[in-house]
């Protein structure tokens, strides 16, 4: 393997390719590049794949509207999923518990048929999440944070961006390797509380 190839394949301790954090650092520190990035993200909005890549790598403050959000495999074949509320699952720090959390979300979703989840991770486990058909976004892990400002503020900003971008109903966090009890109860409530459904008398 050549030195250049080793450099391109280098990853942080959390498995994030180092070129991603290096590129993001360069963009973040340059007002000209940040402006160019905003224009680039806007230019690829018609291509779902390019939007996905641009959002995960460069999206710090630039809005990237999501027009269609898949409900996931647990609701495959269900009509009207586009009307279901969107819930952000903040799985940052879930580590090895991520598979359990994904199964927990999938079971709740199948039982309630009442929400569409979008995951926020700090580990590049895209394949694990997409096995369930869920969309996913990635943040730089706290251990790899090397930018101006506090990582906690960066995390809060990303969550706020996701609430706006997806017009999400709520954020459900993770505690001790499972969904937060209050958030879990909120999701369970959507089995019977369904204001988006049109009822006739």
Protein backbone atom coordinates (compact mmCIF):
# COMPACT_ATOMS: atom_id res chain seq x y z
CA UNK A 1 0.00 0.00 0.00
CA UNK A 2 1.39 3.40 -0.94
CA UNK A 3 1.83 6.28 1.49
CA UNK A 4 -0.86 8.24 -0.35
CA UNK A 5 -3.33 5.38 -0.04
CA UNK A 6 -2.58 5.00 3.68
CA UNK A 7 -3.20 8.73 4.15
CA UNK A 8 -6.55 8.57 2.35
CA UNK A 9 -7.67 5.51 4.37
CA UNK A 10 -6.58 6.92 7.77
CA UNK A 11 -9.36 7.10 10.33
CA UNK A 12 -9.84 8.60 13.77
CA UNK A 13 -10.22 6.45 16.86
CA UNK A 14 -14.01 6.49 16.31
CA UNK A 15 -13.71 5.30 12.71
CA UNK A 16 -14.42 8.63 11.01
CA UNK A 17 -12.17 9.17 7.96
CA UNK A 18 -9.62 11.84 8.87
CA UNK A 19 -10.06 13.57 5.54
CA UNK A 20 -13.64 14.42 6.56
CA UNK A 21 -12.64 16.18 9.76
CA UNK A 22 -9.68 17.86 8.04
CA UNK A 23 -11.87 19.11 5.18
CA UNK A 24 -14.58 20.30 7.56
CA UNK A 25 -11.96 22.14 9.64
CA UNK A 26 -10.63 23.91 6.55
CA UNK A 27 -14.12 24.90 5.40
CA UNK A 28 -15.16 26.06 8.85
CA UNK A 29 -12.09 28.27 9.29
CA UNK A 30 -12.48 30.04 5.95
CA UNK A 31 -15.32 32.47 5.34
CA UNK A 32 -14.75 32.22 1.56
CA UNK A 33 -14.90 28.41 1.60
CA UNK A 34 -17.92 28.42 3.91
CA UNK A 35 -19.72 30.68 1.43
CA UNK A 36 -18.68 28.44 -1.45
CA UNK A 37 -19.90 25.40 0.47
CA UNK A 38 -23.31 27.01 0.99
CA UNK A 39 -23.57 27.58 -2.77
CA UNK A 40 -22.42 24.05 -3.55
CA UNK A 41 -25.01 22.51 -1.24
CA UNK A 42 -27.70 24.63 -2.86
CA UNK A 43 -26.57 23.55 -6.31
CA UNK A 44 -27.02 19.81 -5.63
CA UNK A 45 -30.42 19.91 -3.98
CA UNK A 46 -31.99 18.09 -6.91
CA UNK A 47 -29.74 15.06 -6.42
CA UNK A 48 -30.64 13.05 -3.30
CA UNK A 49 -27.30 11.25 -3.14
CA UNK A 50 -25.23 14.42 -3.45
CA UNK A 51 -27.42 16.22 -0.93
CA UNK A 52 -26.90 13.34 1.51
CA UNK A 53 -23.13 13.50 1.13
CA UNK A 54 -22.98 17.30 1.28
CA UNK A 55 -25.21 17.43 4.34
CA UNK A 56 -23.16 14.90 6.31
CA UNK A 57 -19.75 16.33 5.46
CA UNK A 58 -20.23 20.09 5.17
CA UNK A 59 -23.56 21.10 6.68
CA UNK A 60 -22.75 23.28 9.65
CA UNK A 61 -25.22 26.13 9.23
CA UNK A 62 -26.41 25.95 5.62
CA UNK A 63 -30.03 24.82 5.24
CA UNK A 64 -30.57 21.66 3.21
CA UNK A 65 -34.34 21.07 2.95
CA UNK A 66 -35.50 17.47 2.88
CA UNK A 67 -38.54 17.10 0.65
CA UNK A 68 -39.21 13.38 1.14
CA UNK A 69 -38.30 11.28 4.16
CA UNK A 70 -38.71 7.50 4.02
CA UNK A 71 -40.59 5.91 6.89
CA UNK A 72 -38.30 2.88 7.07
CA UNK A 73 -38.71 -0.85 6.51
CA UNK A 74 -40.93 -1.51 9.57
CA UNK A 75 -43.71 0.44 7.79
CA UNK A 76 -43.05 -0.89 4.29
CA UNK A 77 -46.29 -1.04 2.30
CA UNK A 78 -48.20 1.27 4.63
CA UNK A 79 -50.17 4.03 2.92
CA UNK A 80 -49.94 7.65 4.04
CA UNK A 81 -46.53 7.44 5.71
CA UNK A 82 -45.69 10.89 4.35
CA UNK A 83 -48.14 12.31 6.91
CA UNK A 84 -46.54 10.65 9.92
CA UNK A 85 -44.67 12.97 12.30
CA UNK A 86 -40.87 12.91 12.15
CA UNK A 87 -38.89 12.24 15.32
CA UNK A 88 -35.14 12.83 15.71
CA UNK A 89 -33.44 9.98 17.57
CA UNK A 90 -30.36 11.47 19.21
CA UNK A 91 -28.20 8.34 19.46
CA UNK A 92 -24.93 10.19 20.04
CA UNK A 93 -22.76 8.20 22.42
CA UNK A 94 -24.72 4.97 21.96
CA UNK A 95 -21.59 3.04 20.99
CA UNK A 96 -22.06 -0.73 21.05
CA UNK A 97 -25.70 -0.28 22.14
CA UNK A 98 -26.69 1.09 18.72
CA UNK A 99 -28.06 -2.24 17.36
CA UNK A 100 -30.31 -2.59 20.42
CA UNK A 101 -31.51 1.01 20.08
CA UNK A 102 -32.31 0.48 16.40
CA UNK A 103 -34.33 -2.63 17.21
CA UNK A 104 -36.14 -0.74 19.97
CA UNK A 105 -37.07 2.05 17.56
CA UNK A 106 -38.18 -0.45 14.92
CA UNK A 107 -40.40 -2.38 17.35
CA UNK A 108 -42.02 0.82 18.61
CA UNK A 109 -42.54 2.06 15.09
CA UNK A 110 -44.13 -1.22 14.03
CA UNK A 111 -46.42 -1.25 17.07
CA UNK A 112 -47.54 2.37 16.83
CA UNK A 113 -47.33 2.92 13.07
CA UNK A 114 -47.13 6.53 14.17
CA UNK A 115 -43.75 8.13 13.41
CA UNK A 116 -40.79 8.38 11.06
CA UNK A 117 -37.38 8.37 12.76
CA UNK A 118 -34.20 10.06 11.61
CA UNK A 119 -31.02 9.11 13.47
CA UNK A 120 -28.19 11.37 14.63
CA UNK A 121 -24.94 9.50 15.29
CA UNK A 122 -21.35 10.22 16.23
CA UNK A 123 -20.13 6.96 14.70
CA UNK A 124 -20.21 6.10 10.98
CA UNK A 125 -22.58 3.13 11.31
CA UNK A 126 -24.58 4.02 8.22
CA UNK A 127 -25.06 0.41 7.13
CA UNK A 128 -26.54 -0.59 10.50
CA UNK A 129 -29.08 2.23 10.40
CA UNK A 130 -29.97 1.83 6.75
CA UNK A 131 -30.65 -1.88 7.26
CA UNK A 132 -33.84 -0.52 8.82
CA UNK A 133 -34.34 1.97 5.99
CA UNK A 134 -33.87 4.98 8.25
CA UNK A 135 -32.15 8.24 7.25
CA UNK A 136 -29.10 9.16 9.29
CA UNK A 137 -26.91 12.18 9.94
CA UNK A 138 -23.43 12.25 11.45
CA UNK A 139 -21.70 14.62 13.86
CA UNK A 140 -18.03 14.85 14.69
CA UNK A 141 -17.43 12.85 17.90
CA UNK A 142 -16.66 14.87 21.01
CA UNK A 143 -13.31 13.08 21.35
CA UNK A 144 -12.34 14.28 17.85
CA UNK A 145 -13.53 17.87 18.31
CA UNK A 146 -10.78 20.30 17.33
CA UNK A 147 -12.61 23.48 16.38
CA UNK A 148 -13.33 26.85 17.92
CA UNK A 149 -16.24 26.79 20.35
CA UNK A 150 -17.68 24.07 22.55
CA UNK A 151 -18.64 20.67 21.19
CA UNK A 152 -21.86 20.81 23.26
CA UNK A 153 -22.88 23.97 21.40
CA UNK A 154 -22.10 22.27 18.07
CA UNK A 155 -24.28 19.32 19.05
CA UNK A 156 -27.12 21.57 20.15
CA UNK A 157 -26.88 23.52 16.88
CA UNK A 158 -27.06 20.34 14.82
CA UNK A 159 -30.12 19.16 16.72
CA UNK A 160 -31.79 22.54 16.23
CA UNK A 161 -30.99 22.38 12.51
CA UNK A 162 -32.57 18.92 12.29
CA UNK A 163 -35.73 20.08 14.05
CA UNK A 164 -36.12 22.84 11.47
CA UNK A 165 -34.96 20.87 8.42
CA UNK A 166 -37.25 17.91 9.04
CA UNK A 167 -40.05 19.86 10.78
CA UNK A 168 -39.64 17.24 13.50
CA UNK A 169 -42.14 16.68 16.28
CA UNK A 170 -39.54 16.03 18.95
CA UNK A 171 -36.08 14.75 19.86
CA UNK A 172 -35.78 11.44 21.69
CA UNK A 173 -32.46 10.79 23.37
CA UNK A 174 -30.67 7.69 24.58
CA UNK A 175 -29.93 6.81 28.22
CA UNK A 176 -27.93 3.81 29.42
CA UNK A 177 -28.02 2.12 26.03
CA UNK A 178 -31.74 2.47 25.42
CA UNK A 179 -34.30 5.07 24.48
CA UNK A 180 -34.92 7.70 27.12
CA UNK A 181 -38.00 6.59 29.15
CA UNK A 182 -39.88 9.86 28.60
CA UNK A 183 -39.10 9.82 24.88
CA UNK A 184 -40.13 6.18 24.64
CA UNK A 185 -43.47 6.99 26.28
CA UNK A 186 -43.95 9.87 23.83
CA UNK A 187 -43.43 7.52 20.87
CA UNK A 188 -45.79 4.92 22.36
CA UNK A 189 -48.48 7.61 22.71
CA UNK A 190 -48.50 8.03 18.94
CA UNK A 191 -50.31 4.70 18.65
CA UNK A 192 -53.51 6.41 19.80
CA UNK A 193 -52.81 10.14 19.55
CA UNK A 194 -53.01 10.69 15.79
CA UNK A 195 -54.10 14.26 15.01
CA UNK A 196 -52.80 13.94 11.43
CA UNK A 197 -55.52 11.46 10.57
CA UNK A 198 -58.72 12.89 9.11
CA UNK A 199 -61.76 11.62 11.01
CA UNK A 200 -65.32 11.93 9.81
CA UNK A 201 -68.38 11.71 12.02
